[in-house]
């Protein structure tokens, strides 16, 4: 079993709880940039996340969205 297969479910659970996968800080306390369809959050550990305004789900930002 590779390390990625062990860590991926934990990271998915943290994102479903609205927490950073690096430092587990709540993303509600992160710096926020508003958008029409999606809001961009930057955590204190510099990881960037995107929150879909329709579904309310978080995901890691792509390099093109940073």
C-alpha atoms as a PDB file:
ATOM      1  CA  UNK A   1       0.000   0.000   0.000  1.00  0.00           C
ATOM      2  CA  UNK A   2       1.518   3.274  -1.039  1.00  0.00           C
ATOM      3  CA  UNK A   3       1.686   6.340   1.151  1.00  0.00           C
ATOM      4  CA  UNK A   4      -0.622   8.285  -1.171  1.00  0.00           C
ATOM      5  CA  UNK A   5      -3.355   5.659  -0.771  1.00  0.00           C
ATOM      6  CA  UNK A   6      -3.108   5.983   3.009  1.00  0.00           C
ATOM      7  CA  UNK A   7      -3.151   9.797   3.136  1.00  0.00           C
ATOM      8  CA  UNK A   8      -5.805  10.572   0.493  1.00  0.00           C
ATOM      9  CA  UNK A   9      -8.818   9.511   2.630  1.00  0.00           C
ATOM     10  CA  UNK A  10      -7.577  11.614   5.551  1.00  0.00           C
ATOM     11  CA  UNK A  11      -7.170  14.661   3.315  1.00  0.00           C
ATOM     12  CA  UNK A  12     -10.639  14.134   1.825  1.00  0.00           C
ATOM     13  CA  UNK A  13     -12.121  13.939   5.325  1.00  0.00           C
ATOM     14  CA  UNK A  14     -10.358  17.163   6.394  1.00  0.00           C
ATOM     15  CA  UNK A  15     -11.667  18.984   3.299  1.00  0.00           C
ATOM     16  CA  UNK A  16     -15.202  17.717   3.940  1.00  0.00           C
ATOM     17  CA  UNK A  17     -14.922  19.221   7.437  1.00  0.00           C
ATOM     18  CA  UNK A  18     -13.761  22.553   5.944  1.00  0.00           C
ATOM     19  CA  UNK A  19     -10.206  22.245   7.289  1.00  0.00           C
ATOM     20  CA  UNK A  20      -6.767  22.673   5.722  1.00  0.00           C
ATOM     21  CA  UNK A  21      -5.050  19.386   4.812  1.00  0.00           C
ATOM     22  CA  UNK A  22      -1.664  20.744   5.926  1.00  0.00           C
ATOM     23  CA  UNK A  23      -2.258  22.384   9.291  1.00  0.00           C
ATOM     24  CA  UNK A  24      -5.936  21.405   9.942  1.00  0.00           C
ATOM     25  CA  UNK A  25      -6.927  25.036  10.570  1.00  0.00           C
ATOM     26  CA  UNK A  26     -10.591  25.796   9.789  1.00  0.00           C
ATOM     27  CA  UNK A  27     -10.789  27.398   6.346  1.00  0.00           C
ATOM     28  CA  UNK A  28     -13.448  29.796   7.610  1.00  0.00           C
ATOM     29  CA  UNK A  29     -10.576  31.652   9.328  1.00  0.00           C
ATOM     30  CA  UNK A  30      -8.394  31.819   6.199  1.00  0.00           C
ATOM     31  CA  UNK A  31      -7.943  34.848   3.933  1.00  0.00           C
ATOM     32  CA  UNK A  32     -10.788  34.960   1.408  1.00  0.00           C
ATOM     33  CA  UNK A  33     -11.158  36.333  -2.139  1.00  0.00           C
ATOM     34  CA  UNK A  34     -14.702  36.392  -3.431  1.00  0.00           C
ATOM     35  CA  UNK A  35     -15.683  35.234  -6.889  1.00  0.00           C
ATOM     36  CA  UNK A  36     -18.939  34.738  -8.790  1.00  0.00           C
ATOM     37  CA  UNK A  37     -18.960  30.942  -8.850  1.00  0.00           C
ATOM     38  CA  UNK A  38     -16.154  30.129  -6.430  1.00  0.00           C
ATOM     39  CA  UNK A  39     -14.360  31.750  -3.485  1.00  0.00           C
ATOM     40  CA  UNK A  40     -10.602  31.344  -3.046  1.00  0.00           C
ATOM     41  CA  UNK A  41      -9.148  30.764   0.432  1.00  0.00           C
ATOM     42  CA  UNK A  42      -5.463  31.037   1.374  1.00  0.00           C
ATOM     43  CA  UNK A  43      -4.543  29.269   4.609  1.00  0.00           C
ATOM     44  CA  UNK A  44      -1.867  30.512   7.019  1.00  0.00           C
ATOM     45  CA  UNK A  45       0.374  27.673   5.754  1.00  0.00           C
ATOM     46  CA  UNK A  46       0.014  29.130   2.203  1.00  0.00           C
ATOM     47  CA  UNK A  47      -2.091  26.316   0.756  1.00  0.00           C
ATOM     48  CA  UNK A  48      -4.800  27.585  -1.606  1.00  0.00           C
ATOM     49  CA  UNK A  49      -8.357  26.202  -1.662  1.00  0.00           C
ATOM     50  CA  UNK A  50     -11.450  26.860  -3.732  1.00  0.00           C
ATOM     51  CA  UNK A  51     -14.992  26.703  -2.337  1.00  0.00           C
ATOM     52  CA  UNK A  52     -17.868  26.152  -4.743  1.00  0.00           C
ATOM     53  CA  UNK A  53     -20.656  28.596  -3.848  1.00  0.00           C
ATOM     54  CA  UNK A  54     -23.424  26.238  -5.039  1.00  0.00           C
ATOM     55  CA  UNK A  55     -22.374  23.061  -3.245  1.00  0.00           C
ATOM     56  CA  UNK A  56     -20.313  24.579  -0.419  1.00  0.00           C
ATOM     57  CA  UNK A  57     -17.529  22.010  -0.936  1.00  0.00           C
ATOM     58  CA  UNK A  58     -13.812  22.789  -0.728  1.00  0.00           C
ATOM     59  CA  UNK A  59     -11.048  21.511  -2.981  1.00  0.00           C
ATOM     60  CA  UNK A  60      -7.379  22.279  -3.532  1.00  0.00           C
ATOM     61  CA  UNK A  61      -6.816  25.009  -6.113  1.00  0.00           C
ATOM     62  CA  UNK A  62      -5.234  24.241  -9.471  1.00  0.00           C
ATOM     63  CA  UNK A  63      -2.063  26.086 -10.467  1.00  0.00           C
ATOM     64  CA  UNK A  64      -4.083  28.135 -12.978  1.00  0.00           C
ATOM     65  CA  UNK A  65      -6.417  29.345 -10.195  1.00  0.00           C
ATOM     66  CA  UNK A  66      -3.647  30.588  -7.910  1.00  0.00           C
END
